[in-house]
Every structure is written in structure tokens, then in C-alpha cells.
């Protein structure tokens, strides 16, 4: 399975999870590959809009391009949504991190599994 299809599968998994929790969720096919900024998922209800960039990894750290973070931030500034990164490490639940919770590196950003477990929110905590 290619990394692109693994990413799509992870996005679809989250889409179904949000709908099962009573929130509307749309998957933005081709996010990151068009000239306009767009998150992987747009989630919300009458009171709240959330834009999510999804990442999954077998490693202990997930590195992010500065471009991914900038695109999410730009979309949310225009759309009026909260920016979040959803990350799933092997055999762990999805964790949601705000932009303030991801660590800046010399070339971009990184989400460390230990930091994610300490600062990240589970889906029920995110949607409260």
C-alpha cells in the first residue's frame, strides 16, 4: 500500500469517527497538491469549525513540512476555523494537537510521541 493510500485511509477513518460523534466532516481530496491552501478534513457543527491535517506514522516522531503548517494556518485564517493536527502513532489512538503544541525545528516541525501523549487531546476531549 502506498503512503498516499495509507494517508487517504487514515483520513477516511477519521471522517467516519467524527460523523459517529455527531459532527459533520468533509474530506478534502487533493489537499496539499493544489495552489490553494486546504486541510485534509473540515469538521464542525452549528457552533464550531475545525480544520485538520492528518498524519500517521510507525516512527516515534512525525516530521512536518513548514509548508503543511503554513497552509493549515492560512486556510484557517481565511475560513475562520480552528487549526489542528491529528496524529496517530502505531497502536495508539488518534491525538489532536494545536499549532502551539507542535515543536519547531530548523527545517519545519516535529510531533514527538511523548509530547503528543502529554499535550494531545483525544477525540472526545477535542469535541467537548
C-alpha atoms as a PDB file:
ATOM      1  CA  UNK A   1       0.000   0.000   0.000  1.00  0.00           C
ATOM      2  CA  UNK A   2       1.463   3.369  -0.988  1.00  0.00           C
ATOM      3  CA  UNK A   3       1.936   6.126   1.571  1.00  0.00           C
ATOM      4  CA  UNK A   4      -0.689   8.182  -0.280  1.00  0.00           C
ATOM      5  CA  UNK A   5      -3.295   5.423   0.024  1.00  0.00           C
ATOM      6  CA  UNK A   6      -2.356   4.895   3.694  1.00  0.00           C
ATOM      7  CA  UNK A   7      -2.908   8.612   4.277  1.00  0.00           C
ATOM      8  CA  UNK A   8      -6.262   8.504   2.489  1.00  0.00           C
ATOM      9  CA  UNK A   9      -7.312   5.507   4.579  1.00  0.00           C
ATOM     10  CA  UNK A  10      -6.383   7.358   7.790  1.00  0.00           C
ATOM     11  CA  UNK A  11      -8.350  10.423   6.661  1.00  0.00           C
ATOM     12  CA  UNK A  12     -11.422   8.313   5.879  1.00  0.00           C
ATOM     13  CA  UNK A  13     -11.142   6.610   9.270  1.00  0.00           C
ATOM     14  CA  UNK A  14     -11.232   9.988  10.993  1.00  0.00           C
ATOM     15  CA  UNK A  15     -14.081  11.186   8.780  1.00  0.00           C
ATOM     16  CA  UNK A  16     -16.244   8.249   9.916  1.00  0.00           C
ATOM     17  CA  UNK A  17     -15.181   8.771  13.523  1.00  0.00           C
ATOM     18  CA  UNK A  18     -16.276  12.427  13.524  1.00  0.00           C
ATOM     19  CA  UNK A  19     -19.634  11.570  11.920  1.00  0.00           C
ATOM     20  CA  UNK A  20     -20.151   8.861  14.564  1.00  0.00           C
ATOM     21  CA  UNK A  21     -19.635  11.550  17.225  1.00  0.00           C
ATOM     22  CA  UNK A  22     -22.319  13.769  15.674  1.00  0.00           C
ATOM     23  CA  UNK A  23     -20.110  16.265  13.841  1.00  0.00           C
ATOM     24  CA  UNK A  24     -20.231  16.915  10.120  1.00  0.00           C
ATOM     25  CA  UNK A  25     -16.957  16.116   8.382  1.00  0.00           C
ATOM     26  CA  UNK A  26     -15.718  16.609   4.819  1.00  0.00           C
ATOM     27  CA  UNK A  27     -12.518  15.203   3.362  1.00  0.00           C
ATOM     28  CA  UNK A  28     -10.656  17.496   1.007  1.00  0.00           C
ATOM     29  CA  UNK A  29      -9.295  15.260  -1.731  1.00  0.00           C
ATOM     30  CA  UNK A  30      -6.025  16.562  -3.106  1.00  0.00           C
ATOM     31  CA  UNK A  31      -5.242  18.736  -0.115  1.00  0.00           C
ATOM     32  CA  UNK A  32      -1.630  19.847  -0.278  1.00  0.00           C
ATOM     33  CA  UNK A  33      -1.480  19.334  -4.046  1.00  0.00           C
ATOM     34  CA  UNK A  34      -3.400  22.366  -5.265  1.00  0.00           C
ATOM     35  CA  UNK A  35      -2.389  26.011  -5.375  1.00  0.00           C
ATOM     36  CA  UNK A  36      -4.878  26.974  -2.660  1.00  0.00           C
ATOM     37  CA  UNK A  37      -4.454  26.015   0.985  1.00  0.00           C
ATOM     38  CA  UNK A  38      -6.723  23.230   2.154  1.00  0.00           C
ATOM     39  CA  UNK A  39      -6.739  20.887   5.143  1.00  0.00           C
ATOM     40  CA  UNK A  40      -7.306  17.151   4.967  1.00  0.00           C
ATOM     41  CA  UNK A  41     -10.590  17.407   6.907  1.00  0.00           C
ATOM     42  CA  UNK A  42     -13.095  20.127   7.724  1.00  0.00           C
ATOM     43  CA  UNK A  43     -15.165  19.273  10.792  1.00  0.00           C
ATOM     44  CA  UNK A  44     -17.916  21.166  12.522  1.00  0.00           C
ATOM     45  CA  UNK A  45     -21.397  21.840  13.703  1.00  0.00           C
ATOM     46  CA  UNK A  46     -23.501  24.965  14.185  1.00  0.00           C
ATOM     47  CA  UNK A  47     -21.109  26.283  16.837  1.00  0.00           C
ATOM     48  CA  UNK A  48     -17.632  25.295  15.777  1.00  0.00           C
ATOM     49  CA  UNK A  49     -15.396  24.847  12.701  1.00  0.00           C
ATOM     50  CA  UNK A  50     -12.207  22.775  12.852  1.00  0.00           C
ATOM     51  CA  UNK A  51      -9.657  22.228  10.078  1.00  0.00           C
ATOM     52  CA  UNK A  52      -7.456  19.168  10.475  1.00  0.00           C
ATOM     53  CA  UNK A  53      -4.262  17.987   8.857  1.00  0.00           C
ATOM     54  CA  UNK A  54      -3.937  14.201   9.389  1.00  0.00           C
ATOM     55  CA  UNK A  55      -0.690  12.302   9.903  1.00  0.00           C
ATOM     56  CA  UNK A  56       0.067   8.711  10.860  1.00  0.00           C
ATOM     57  CA  UNK A  57       3.431   7.060  11.380  1.00  0.00           C
ATOM     58  CA  UNK A  58       5.215   3.936  12.530  1.00  0.00           C
ATOM     59  CA  UNK A  59       8.036   6.075  13.910  1.00  0.00           C
ATOM     60  CA  UNK A  60       8.352   7.776  17.325  1.00  0.00           C
ATOM     61  CA  UNK A  61       8.373  11.195  15.641  1.00  0.00           C
ATOM     62  CA  UNK A  62       6.413  12.668  12.762  1.00  0.00           C
ATOM     63  CA  UNK A  63       8.187  15.425  10.869  1.00  0.00           C
ATOM     64  CA  UNK A  64       6.083  18.105   9.209  1.00  0.00           C
ATOM     65  CA  UNK A  65       6.991  20.436   6.392  1.00  0.00           C
ATOM     66  CA  UNK A  66       6.778  24.136   7.152  1.00  0.00           C
ATOM     67  CA  UNK A  67       4.550  24.260   4.060  1.00  0.00           C
ATOM     68  CA  UNK A  68       1.925  21.960   5.677  1.00  0.00           C
ATOM     69  CA  UNK A  69       1.765  24.095   8.810  1.00  0.00           C
ATOM     70  CA  UNK A  70       1.663  27.373   6.863  1.00  0.00           C
ATOM     71  CA  UNK A  71      -1.105  26.055   4.578  1.00  0.00           C
ATOM     72  CA  UNK A  72      -3.231  24.969   7.542  1.00  0.00           C
ATOM     73  CA  UNK A  73      -2.718  28.306   9.274  1.00  0.00           C
ATOM     74  CA  UNK A  74      -3.558  30.268   6.104  1.00  0.00           C
ATOM     75  CA  UNK A  75      -6.725  28.272   5.406  1.00  0.00           C
ATOM     76  CA  UNK A  76      -7.928  28.722   8.984  1.00  0.00           C
ATOM     77  CA  UNK A  77      -7.250  32.460   8.916  1.00  0.00           C
ATOM     78  CA  UNK A  78      -9.425  32.833   5.808  1.00  0.00           C
ATOM     79  CA  UNK A  79     -12.121  30.305   6.752  1.00  0.00           C
ATOM     80  CA  UNK A  80     -12.360  31.112  10.453  1.00  0.00           C
ATOM     81  CA  UNK A  81     -11.657  27.564  11.642  1.00  0.00           C
ATOM     82  CA  UNK A  82      -9.512  26.207  14.459  1.00  0.00           C
ATOM     83  CA  UNK A  83      -6.307  24.585  13.139  1.00  0.00           C
ATOM     84  CA  UNK A  84      -5.428  21.108  14.466  1.00  0.00           C
ATOM     85  CA  UNK A  85      -3.056  18.310  13.584  1.00  0.00           C
ATOM     86  CA  UNK A  86      -4.360  14.775  14.067  1.00  0.00           C
ATOM     87  CA  UNK A  87      -1.603  12.237  14.565  1.00  0.00           C
ATOM     88  CA  UNK A  88      -1.692   8.516  15.146  1.00  0.00           C
ATOM     89  CA  UNK A  89       1.342   6.567  16.203  1.00  0.00           C
ATOM     90  CA  UNK A  90       1.358   2.761  15.828  1.00  0.00           C
ATOM     91  CA  UNK A  91      -1.039   1.018  18.222  1.00  0.00           C
ATOM     92  CA  UNK A  92      -2.111   4.358  19.734  1.00  0.00           C
ATOM     93  CA  UNK A  93      -5.323   6.332  19.499  1.00  0.00           C
ATOM     94  CA  UNK A  94      -5.656   9.459  17.406  1.00  0.00           C
ATOM     95  CA  UNK A  95      -4.301  12.512  19.205  1.00  0.00           C
ATOM     96  CA  UNK A  96      -5.090  16.108  18.282  1.00  0.00           C
ATOM     97  CA  UNK A  97      -2.552  18.886  18.710  1.00  0.00           C
ATOM     98  CA  UNK A  98      -2.906  22.616  18.274  1.00  0.00           C
ATOM     99  CA  UNK A  99      -0.271  24.533  16.336  1.00  0.00           C
ATOM    100  CA  UNK A 100       1.188  25.719  19.649  1.00  0.00           C
ATOM    101  CA  UNK A 101       1.768  22.098  20.698  1.00  0.00           C
ATOM    102  CA  UNK A 102       3.991  21.118  17.784  1.00  0.00           C
ATOM    103  CA  UNK A 103       7.703  21.747  18.042  1.00  0.00           C
ATOM    104  CA  UNK A 104       9.511  23.956  15.526  1.00  0.00           C
ATOM    105  CA  UNK A 105      12.729  22.541  14.085  1.00  0.00           C
ATOM    106  CA  UNK A 106      15.384  24.072  11.854  1.00  0.00           C
ATOM    107  CA  UNK A 107      13.622  22.874   8.679  1.00  0.00           C
ATOM    108  CA  UNK A 108       9.990  22.575   9.750  1.00  0.00           C
ATOM    109  CA  UNK A 109       8.163  20.992  12.668  1.00  0.00           C
ATOM    110  CA  UNK A 110       8.060  17.709  14.551  1.00  0.00           C
ATOM    111  CA  UNK A 111       5.475  15.868  16.639  1.00  0.00           C
ATOM    112  CA  UNK A 112       7.127  13.577  19.163  1.00  0.00           C
ATOM    113  CA  UNK A 113       5.077  10.646  20.517  1.00  0.00           C
ATOM    114  CA  UNK A 114       5.857  11.581  24.146  1.00  0.00           C
ATOM    115  CA  UNK A 115       4.878  15.216  23.600  1.00  0.00           C
ATOM    116  CA  UNK A 116       1.729  14.134  21.750  1.00  0.00           C
ATOM    117  CA  UNK A 117       0.727  11.838  24.615  1.00  0.00           C
ATOM    118  CA  UNK A 118       1.298  14.631  27.134  1.00  0.00           C
ATOM    119  CA  UNK A 119      -0.247  17.571  25.239  1.00  0.00           C
ATOM    120  CA  UNK A 120      -2.542  15.970  22.689  1.00  0.00           C
ATOM    121  CA  UNK A 121      -6.281  15.615  23.087  1.00  0.00           C
ATOM    122  CA  UNK A 122      -8.338  12.512  22.431  1.00  0.00           C
ATOM    123  CA  UNK A 123     -11.276  12.997  20.053  1.00  0.00           C
ATOM    124  CA  UNK A 124     -13.838  13.259  22.891  1.00  0.00           C
ATOM    125  CA  UNK A 125     -11.732  15.977  24.550  1.00  0.00           C
ATOM    126  CA  UNK A 126     -11.380  17.864  21.254  1.00  0.00           C
ATOM    127  CA  UNK A 127     -15.093  17.959  20.542  1.00  0.00           C
ATOM    128  CA  UNK A 128     -16.301  18.902  24.031  1.00  0.00           C
END
